């Protein structure tokens, strides 16, 4: 969990002191987001839903689902994930523990509660750090 969240928030660069990945937990918000991440019709889009928090939660659907689980209006107040430290880490833990669409939860992968199907294995999707990175990053 900490390796993944540190990677998601790294501010490192190739020639950074102590190396590129020594700068975890640098960014609270995604730098230069390519879109507003508004893709689901289940929740409206009055704001932008770019990455915020330790796991860089994105997409209006994730903001809506997580907000509902903690009884907070993140659809209209998405920046709470960057300004409320407790809520920020709660979002990361929620994403880590929650299966997304057709993807298992990161927790189930790392604890091997998820078993890859024959199609998963054929596509190279096996339990481990790489699959978790793919779950987090889409």
Foldseek 3Di string as FASTA:
>chain_A
DQLQLQVQAAPADQPDVVGRSPRGPNDQFDDPDPFLQEDDPVADAPGRFFFGASLGGGHLVLQVVLCVVVVHPCNVPVCCLSVPNVSRVSSVVCQQCDADDPGHHVVCLQVVVDDDDPVCVVVVNHRDDVNNNVSSVD
